[in-house]
């Protein structure tokens, strides 16, 4: 797919450059104005570097192009970048390119505009330009660490929960709906119901972590052997409180579009930092899933029904639309880690610590609700035995 996409970008670039040459007056290149001659030379250099698959050289070309008043990519045409993108995409691309330059990193191939969740809602690209727009915005993440980031942006964590719950979603309910009691040895050693629940919690959480990280480990080994793991310094888009941006670009709405998310601004953080925050968030979600599994199992007690509920719940989160009233919105790992959720909730600061804290409180609440009824039931049984003895 990436090779085909690169070939398409080359063909589009060649067609666009030929068309542009026909529109420049006068026809003789020797008589062109210096600005037209410079713009054409830069576009042709982008095409040459694209054919060479030279990410470092292409980044240098793009930095030069995006620090001018009318940025273009060799296959973008002259209207999509400056007339059809309205939610900070061009300013974000400029920032990303400058980040790559500071850290001496090659751009991904082919070079594309950096989009965001608002792009699909705000762009005004006409139907006849859709193919070029897709070429201009579609990225290919072929290295291991980058693909884990991509996995997190498409709800991969919820998919992982559904798979984990297929195996562990009935961990407590099977004690009520099974002939064999897996905790008999605990009771023989004078373990109470609370200790049984805590033991189940520990087993569920540890097995969940092992399943997830074993799968990730196998994937990373495969990715390393195939295309490598990539550079953990590569920039990932995030949102943070920042000063108003004065756009260097020439079109009238450039500054307004650059500040689309105000008072937040698009910024870039290293992939390593993103994955670290994502990993801690993933641990929190796995712990919440473990406690919720025990609570659902305690309430339902029917093994197959409890299993079905725990498998379906994460899947529901993948199909429900984002909303402040939708609890799964707050479990969107990419929105939380990048702080796009902060923009969505109209917050000025990072929501990450609040979401982690909220997950912890809910998880503890689920655990307490699971233990409390079991304690009352255990007490009732003891009371009944005492009464019988009398």
Protein backbone atom coordinates (compact mmCIF):
# COMPACT_ATOMS: atom_id res chain seq x y z
CA UNK A 1 0.00 0.00 0.00
CA UNK A 2 2.73 2.49 0.88
CA UNK A 3 4.63 1.73 -2.34
CA UNK A 4 1.49 2.19 -4.40
CA UNK A 5 0.73 5.41 -2.56
CA UNK A 6 4.25 6.75 -3.26
CA UNK A 7 3.91 5.92 -6.95
CA UNK A 8 0.57 7.74 -7.06
CA UNK A 9 2.14 10.76 -5.36
CA UNK A 10 4.88 10.83 -8.00
CA UNK A 11 2.35 10.71 -10.84
CA UNK A 12 0.23 13.44 -9.27
CA UNK A 13 3.30 15.59 -8.71
CA UNK A 14 4.39 15.28 -12.33
CA UNK A 15 0.91 16.15 -13.60
CA UNK A 16 0.59 19.13 -11.27
CA UNK A 17 4.02 20.54 -12.15
CA UNK A 18 3.25 20.25 -15.88
CA UNK A 19 -0.08 22.01 -15.38
CA UNK A 20 1.52 24.75 -13.30
CA UNK A 21 4.16 25.40 -15.93
CA UNK A 22 1.42 25.99 -18.51
CA UNK A 23 -0.28 28.58 -16.31
CA UNK A 24 2.80 30.67 -15.60
CA UNK A 25 3.20 33.70 -17.82
CA UNK A 26 5.25 34.24 -19.89
CA UNK A 27 5.61 30.76 -21.33
CA UNK A 28 9.39 30.91 -21.62
CA UNK A 29 10.93 29.76 -18.28
CA UNK A 30 13.85 32.13 -18.86
CA UNK A 31 11.46 35.05 -18.58
CA UNK A 32 9.66 33.90 -15.43
CA UNK A 33 9.59 36.12 -12.39
CA UNK A 34 12.10 35.14 -9.67
CA UNK A 35 9.31 34.04 -7.29
CA UNK A 36 7.74 31.78 -9.93
CA UNK A 37 11.10 30.32 -10.86
CA UNK A 38 11.97 29.66 -7.20
CA UNK A 39 8.58 28.05 -6.50
CA UNK A 40 8.89 25.76 -9.50
CA UNK A 41 12.43 24.72 -8.62
CA UNK A 42 11.34 23.81 -5.10
CA UNK A 43 8.40 21.73 -6.36
CA UNK A 44 10.67 19.90 -8.79
CA UNK A 45 13.18 19.25 -6.01
CA UNK A 46 10.37 17.78 -3.86
CA UNK A 47 9.50 15.45 -6.74
CA UNK A 48 13.12 14.34 -7.17
CA UNK A 49 13.50 13.64 -3.45
CA UNK A 50 10.17 11.80 -3.42
CA UNK A 51 11.38 9.53 -6.24
CA UNK A 52 14.58 8.88 -4.29
CA UNK A 53 12.57 8.02 -1.17
CA UNK A 54 14.82 10.45 0.71
CA UNK A 55 12.96 11.44 3.87
CA UNK A 56 15.70 13.75 5.14
CA UNK A 57 15.93 15.73 1.91
CA UNK A 58 12.15 15.86 1.58
CA UNK A 59 11.90 17.24 5.10
CA UNK A 60 14.35 20.01 4.20
CA UNK A 61 12.32 20.84 1.10
CA UNK A 62 9.10 20.92 3.11
CA UNK A 63 10.57 23.14 5.84
CA UNK A 64 11.61 25.62 3.17
CA UNK A 65 8.18 25.42 1.55
CA UNK A 66 6.20 25.78 4.78
CA UNK A 67 8.17 28.79 5.96
CA UNK A 68 7.01 30.73 2.89
CA UNK A 69 3.73 32.64 2.69
CA UNK A 70 2.08 30.08 0.35
CA UNK A 71 3.09 26.52 1.31
CA UNK A 72 2.58 23.66 -1.12
CA UNK A 73 3.46 20.02 -1.43
CA UNK A 74 4.46 18.90 -4.91
CA UNK A 75 1.25 16.88 -5.37
CA UNK A 76 -1.15 19.12 -3.40
CA UNK A 77 -2.28 21.58 -6.05
CA UNK A 78 -2.62 25.25 -5.23
CA UNK A 79 -5.98 25.43 -3.47
CA UNK A 80 -6.34 22.58 -0.98
CA UNK A 81 -3.72 23.74 1.51
CA UNK A 82 -4.66 27.40 1.66
CA UNK A 83 -8.39 27.27 0.93
CA UNK A 84 -9.88 24.02 2.23
CA UNK A 85 -8.28 23.25 5.61
CA UNK A 86 -9.69 25.26 8.51
CA UNK A 87 -8.82 23.58 11.84
CA UNK A 88 -5.14 24.32 12.21
CA UNK A 89 -3.79 21.62 9.89
CA UNK A 90 -1.34 23.84 8.01
CA UNK A 91 0.06 25.41 11.18
CA UNK A 92 0.35 21.94 12.73
CA UNK A 93 2.27 20.70 9.69
CA UNK A 94 4.66 23.65 9.96
CA UNK A 95 5.26 22.92 13.65
CA UNK A 96 5.80 19.23 12.95
CA UNK A 97 8.35 19.97 10.21
CA UNK A 98 10.24 22.38 12.47
CA UNK A 99 10.23 19.71 15.21
CA UNK A 100 11.70 17.20 12.74
CA UNK A 101 14.33 19.74 11.75
CA UNK A 102 15.34 20.44 15.37
CA UNK A 103 15.76 16.72 16.08
CA UNK A 104 17.28 15.93 12.67
CA UNK A 105 14.60 13.37 11.83
CA UNK A 106 13.38 12.26 8.41
CA UNK A 107 9.74 12.78 7.52
CA UNK A 108 7.50 9.82 6.83
CA UNK A 109 6.96 9.02 3.18
CA UNK A 110 5.06 10.35 1.43
CA UNK A 111 5.03 13.79 3.03
CA UNK A 112 1.49 14.68 4.16
CA UNK A 113 -0.49 17.35 5.95
CA UNK A 114 -1.02 16.73 9.68
CA UNK A 115 -4.76 16.29 10.27
CA UNK A 116 -6.79 16.12 13.49
CA UNK A 117 -10.26 14.92 14.59
CA UNK A 118 -11.80 18.21 13.43
CA UNK A 119 -10.49 17.92 9.87
CA UNK A 120 -13.32 15.69 8.68
CA UNK A 121 -15.86 18.15 10.14
CA UNK A 122 -14.37 21.41 8.89
CA UNK A 123 -12.66 20.84 5.52
CA UNK A 124 -14.37 22.20 2.41
CA UNK A 125 -12.72 20.00 -0.20
CA UNK A 126 -14.90 19.56 -3.28
CA UNK A 127 -15.85 16.14 -4.60
CA UNK A 128 -13.52 16.37 -7.59
CA UNK A 129 -10.56 17.00 -5.25
CA UNK A 130 -11.24 14.13 -2.84
CA UNK A 131 -8.60 11.83 -4.30
CA UNK A 132 -5.91 14.49 -4.06
CA UNK A 133 -7.07 15.34 -0.54
CA UNK A 134 -6.74 11.71 0.51
CA UNK A 135 -3.23 11.59 -0.94
CA UNK A 136 -2.41 14.77 0.91
CA UNK A 137 -3.55 13.51 4.33
CA UNK A 138 -3.18 9.69 4.38
CA UNK A 139 -0.13 8.50 6.31
CA UNK A 140 1.46 5.08 6.46
CA UNK A 141 2.91 3.96 9.78
CA UNK A 142 5.10 0.96 9.01
CA UNK A 143 7.40 0.75 12.06
CA UNK A 144 6.62 -0.95 15.34
CA UNK A 145 6.33 1.94 17.81
CA UNK A 146 4.41 4.03 15.30
CA UNK A 147 1.90 1.23 14.74
CA UNK A 148 1.26 0.95 18.47
CA UNK A 149 0.45 4.67 18.43
CA UNK A 150 -1.85 4.11 15.45
CA UNK A 151 -3.46 1.18 17.28
CA UNK A 152 -4.23 3.45 20.22
CA UNK A 153 -5.93 6.04 17.97
CA UNK A 154 -8.43 3.58 16.48
CA UNK A 155 -9.76 2.12 19.74
CA UNK A 156 -7.27 -0.72 19.99
CA UNK A 157 -7.42 -0.76 23.78
CA UNK A 158 -11.18 -1.43 23.76
CA UNK A 159 -10.68 -4.23 21.25
CA UNK A 160 -8.02 -5.70 23.53
CA UNK A 161 -10.44 -5.56 26.48
CA UNK A 162 -13.08 -7.44 24.48
CA UNK A 163 -10.56 -10.18 23.64
CA UNK A 164 -9.30 -10.40 27.23
CA UNK A 165 -12.87 -10.63 28.51
CA UNK A 166 -13.59 -13.53 26.16
CA UNK A 167 -11.16 -15.55 28.28
CA UNK A 168 -11.53 -13.94 31.72
CA UNK A 169 -14.97 -12.34 31.71
CA UNK A 170 -16.52 -15.07 33.89
CA UNK A 171 -13.74 -15.42 36.45
CA UNK A 172 -16.06 -15.04 39.46
CA UNK A 173 -19.39 -16.09 37.95
CA UNK A 174 -18.08 -19.59 37.29
CA UNK A 175 -18.04 -20.11 41.06
CA UNK A 176 -21.83 -19.87 41.07
CA UNK A 177 -22.51 -21.57 37.75
CA UNK A 178 -20.03 -24.44 37.86
CA UNK A 179 -19.75 -27.83 39.48
CA UNK A 180 -16.17 -27.21 40.54
CA UNK A 181 -15.31 -24.56 43.14
CA UNK A 182 -11.93 -23.10 42.25
CA UNK A 183 -11.59 -21.37 45.62
CA UNK A 184 -12.22 -24.38 47.82
CA UNK A 185 -8.59 -24.46 48.90
CA UNK A 186 -8.88 -20.82 49.99
CA UNK A 187 -11.81 -21.60 52.29
CA UNK A 188 -9.94 -24.57 53.68
CA UNK A 189 -7.24 -22.13 54.75
CA UNK A 190 -9.78 -19.87 56.50
CA UNK A 191 -9.94 -17.28 53.70
CA UNK A 192 -13.00 -15.08 53.84
CA UNK A 193 -15.07 -13.91 50.91
CA UNK A 194 -13.21 -10.58 50.76
CA UNK A 195 -9.88 -12.38 50.39
CA UNK A 196 -11.41 -14.58 47.70
CA UNK A 197 -12.51 -11.52 45.73
CA UNK A 198 -9.11 -9.87 46.15
CA UNK A 199 -7.43 -13.07 45.00
CA UNK A 200 -9.67 -13.19 41.95
CA UNK A 201 -8.88 -9.53 41.29
CA UNK A 202 -5.14 -10.18 41.46
CA UNK A 203 -5.39 -13.18 39.15
CA UNK A 204 -7.58 -11.33 36.65
CA UNK A 205 -5.39 -8.22 36.59
CA UNK A 206 -2.10 -10.13 36.27
CA UNK A 207 -3.44 -12.40 33.54
CA UNK A 208 -4.88 -9.40 31.68
CA UNK A 209 -1.51 -7.65 31.74
CA UNK A 210 0.28 -10.82 30.64
CA UNK A 211 -2.11 -11.37 27.74
CA UNK A 212 -1.89 -7.80 26.49
CA UNK A 213 1.84 -7.33 26.84
CA UNK A 214 2.64 -10.77 25.46
CA UNK A 215 0.64 -9.89 22.35
CA UNK A 216 2.40 -6.52 22.09
CA UNK A 217 5.78 -8.16 22.61
CA UNK A 218 5.18 -10.69 19.82
CA UNK A 219 4.00 -7.88 17.54
CA UNK A 220 7.08 -5.74 18.27
CA UNK A 221 9.42 -8.63 17.51
CA UNK A 222 7.62 -9.18 14.20
CA UNK A 223 7.69 -5.44 13.41
CA UNK A 224 11.40 -5.23 14.30
CA UNK A 225 12.21 -8.07 11.94
CA UNK A 226 10.09 -6.64 9.13
CA UNK A 227 10.50 -2.84 9.14
CA UNK A 228 12.20 -1.96 12.43
CA UNK A 229 10.76 -0.28 15.50
CA UNK A 230 11.26 3.32 14.44
CA UNK A 231 12.52 6.37 16.31
CA UNK A 232 10.94 7.13 19.69
CA UNK A 233 11.72 10.81 19.16
CA UNK A 234 9.22 11.07 16.30
CA UNK A 235 6.59 13.78 16.97
CA UNK A 236 3.05 12.98 18.08
CA UNK A 237 0.35 15.64 17.95
CA UNK A 238 -1.00 16.89 21.28
CA UNK A 239 -2.95 19.84 22.67
CA UNK A 240 -1.73 22.21 25.37
CA UNK A 241 -2.44 25.71 26.62
CA UNK A 242 -0.49 28.19 24.52
CA UNK A 243 -0.20 31.73 23.27
CA UNK A 244 -2.04 33.00 20.21
CA UNK A 245 -0.26 32.18 16.96
CA UNK A 246 0.29 34.86 14.32
CA UNK A 247 0.33 32.89 11.08
CA UNK A 248 3.07 33.63 8.54
CA UNK A 249 0.80 32.63 5.67
CA UNK A 250 -0.84 34.93 3.16
CA UNK A 251 -4.53 33.98 3.03
CA UNK A 252 -6.91 36.13 5.15
CA UNK A 253 -8.12 33.37 7.50
CA UNK A 254 -4.69 31.84 8.19
CA UNK A 255 -4.31 33.25 11.72
CA UNK A 256 -7.88 32.35 12.68
CA UNK A 257 -7.37 28.79 11.46
CA UNK A 258 -4.03 28.50 13.26
CA UNK A 259 -5.85 29.32 16.54
CA UNK A 260 -8.82 27.05 15.90
CA UNK A 261 -8.42 25.22 19.24
CA UNK A 262 -7.73 28.35 21.33
CA UNK A 263 -6.95 28.68 24.19
CA UNK A 264 -5.30 25.32 23.48
CA UNK A 265 -2.70 25.04 20.73
CA UNK A 266 -1.50 22.07 18.73
CA UNK A 267 1.93 21.02 19.91
CA UNK A 268 4.15 17.96 19.46
CA UNK A 269 5.59 15.55 21.99
CA UNK A 270 8.05 12.68 21.47
CA UNK A 271 6.56 9.30 20.69
CA UNK A 272 8.34 7.91 23.77
CA UNK A 273 6.44 10.26 26.07
CA UNK A 274 3.14 9.45 24.36
CA UNK A 275 3.69 5.70 24.71
CA UNK A 276 4.70 6.10 28.37
CA UNK A 277 1.48 7.97 29.16
CA UNK A 278 -0.49 5.48 27.09
CA UNK A 279 1.09 2.55 28.94
CA UNK A 280 0.14 3.96 32.36
CA UNK A 281 -3.36 4.70 31.10
CA UNK A 282 -3.56 1.13 29.81
CA UNK A 283 -2.67 -0.25 33.27
CA UNK A 284 -5.42 1.90 34.79
CA UNK A 285 -7.97 0.65 32.25
CA UNK A 286 -6.98 -2.98 32.84
CA UNK A 287 -7.43 -2.51 36.59
CA UNK A 288 -10.85 -0.91 36.05
CA UNK A 289 -11.80 -3.76 33.74
CA UNK A 290 -10.78 -6.30 36.39
CA UNK A 291 -12.85 -4.68 39.13
CA UNK A 292 -15.84 -4.17 36.83
CA UNK A 293 -15.64 -7.81 35.76
CA UNK A 294 -15.85 -8.94 39.39
CA UNK A 295 -18.80 -6.63 40.08
CA UNK A 296 -20.75 -7.79 37.00
CA UNK A 297 -19.96 -11.40 37.87
CA UNK A 298 -21.16 -10.85 41.45
CA UNK A 299 -24.43 -9.27 40.32
CA UNK A 300 -25.24 -11.59 37.42
CA UNK A 301 -23.86 -14.92 38.69
CA UNK A 302 -24.85 -16.65 35.42
CA UNK A 303 -21.59 -17.53 33.75
CA UNK A 304 -22.50 -17.15 30.06
CA UNK A 305 -24.47 -13.96 30.66
CA UNK A 306 -21.63 -12.38 32.63
CA UNK A 307 -19.19 -13.36 29.89
CA UNK A 308 -21.44 -11.89 27.20
CA UNK A 309 -21.83 -8.59 29.06
CA UNK A 310 -18.09 -8.17 29.56
CA UNK A 311 -17.34 -8.90 25.89
CA UNK A 312 -20.07 -6.63 24.53
CA UNK A 313 -19.35 -3.64 26.78
CA UNK A 314 -16.03 -2.63 25.13
CA UNK A 315 -17.52 -3.20 21.66
CA UNK A 316 -20.31 -0.75 22.49
CA UNK A 317 -17.66 1.84 23.26
CA UNK A 318 -16.35 1.50 19.69
CA UNK A 319 -19.68 2.33 18.05
CA UNK A 320 -21.21 4.97 20.33
CA UNK A 321 -20.66 8.58 19.17
CA UNK A 322 -18.43 10.80 21.26
CA UNK A 323 -20.38 12.80 23.82
CA UNK A 324 -19.86 14.29 27.27
CA UNK A 325 -22.61 11.90 28.41
CA UNK A 326 -20.93 8.84 26.90
CA UNK A 327 -18.59 7.28 29.51
CA UNK A 328 -16.53 5.62 26.78
CA UNK A 329 -15.51 9.07 25.52
CA UNK A 330 -13.39 9.40 28.67
CA UNK A 331 -11.74 6.04 27.90
CA UNK A 332 -10.53 7.09 24.44
CA UNK A 333 -6.83 6.56 25.07
CA UNK A 334 -5.60 8.79 22.26
CA UNK A 335 -7.91 11.68 23.23
CA UNK A 336 -6.82 11.42 26.86
CA UNK A 337 -3.09 11.12 26.25
CA UNK A 338 -2.94 13.80 23.54
CA UNK A 339 -5.35 16.00 25.52
CA UNK A 340 -7.73 16.40 22.60
CA UNK A 341 -10.30 15.45 25.23
CA UNK A 342 -9.35 18.70 26.97
CA UNK A 343 -10.47 20.63 23.89
CA UNK A 344 -13.60 18.47 23.60
CA UNK A 345 -14.52 19.29 27.21
CA UNK A 346 -13.48 22.95 26.85
CA UNK A 347 -10.76 22.66 29.50
CA UNK A 348 -7.65 24.83 29.64
CA UNK A 349 -5.35 22.27 31.27
CA UNK A 350 -4.52 18.60 30.76
CA UNK A 351 -7.32 16.20 31.68
CA UNK A 352 -4.96 13.21 31.94
CA UNK A 353 -4.46 13.26 35.74
CA UNK A 354 -8.19 13.80 36.32
CA UNK A 355 -9.13 10.88 34.07
CA UNK A 356 -6.58 8.59 35.77
CA UNK A 357 -7.88 9.68 39.17
CA UNK A 358 -11.48 9.13 38.11
CA UNK A 359 -10.69 5.65 36.80
CA UNK A 360 -9.02 4.80 40.11
CA UNK A 361 -12.01 6.00 42.15
CA UNK A 362 -14.50 4.08 40.00
CA UNK A 363 -12.35 0.94 40.17
CA UNK A 364 -12.17 1.10 43.97
CA UNK A 365 -15.93 1.71 44.08
CA UNK A 366 -16.56 -1.40 41.96
CA UNK A 367 -14.30 -3.44 44.22
CA UNK A 368 -16.07 -2.28 47.38
CA UNK A 369 -19.49 -3.01 45.88
CA UNK A 370 -18.26 -6.49 45.00
CA UNK A 371 -16.98 -7.20 48.49
CA UNK A 372 -19.76 -5.68 50.58
CA UNK A 373 -22.65 -7.94 49.47
CA UNK A 374 -20.41 -10.98 49.83
CA UNK A 375 -19.56 -9.98 53.38
CA UNK A 376 -23.22 -9.56 54.29
CA UNK A 377 -24.04 -12.91 52.77
CA UNK A 378 -21.20 -14.57 54.67
CA UNK A 379 -22.39 -12.96 57.90
CA UNK A 380 -25.95 -14.12 57.24
CA UNK A 381 -24.77 -17.68 56.76
CA UNK A 382 -22.87 -17.59 60.04
CA UNK A 383 -25.88 -16.16 61.83
CA UNK A 384 -28.13 -18.83 60.37
CA UNK A 385 -25.76 -21.58 61.50
CA UNK A 386 -25.62 -20.12 65.01
CA UNK A 387 -29.41 -19.97 65.23
CA UNK A 388 -29.67 -23.57 64.08
CA UNK A 389 -27.25 -24.67 66.72
CA UNK A 390 -29.35 -23.04 69.41
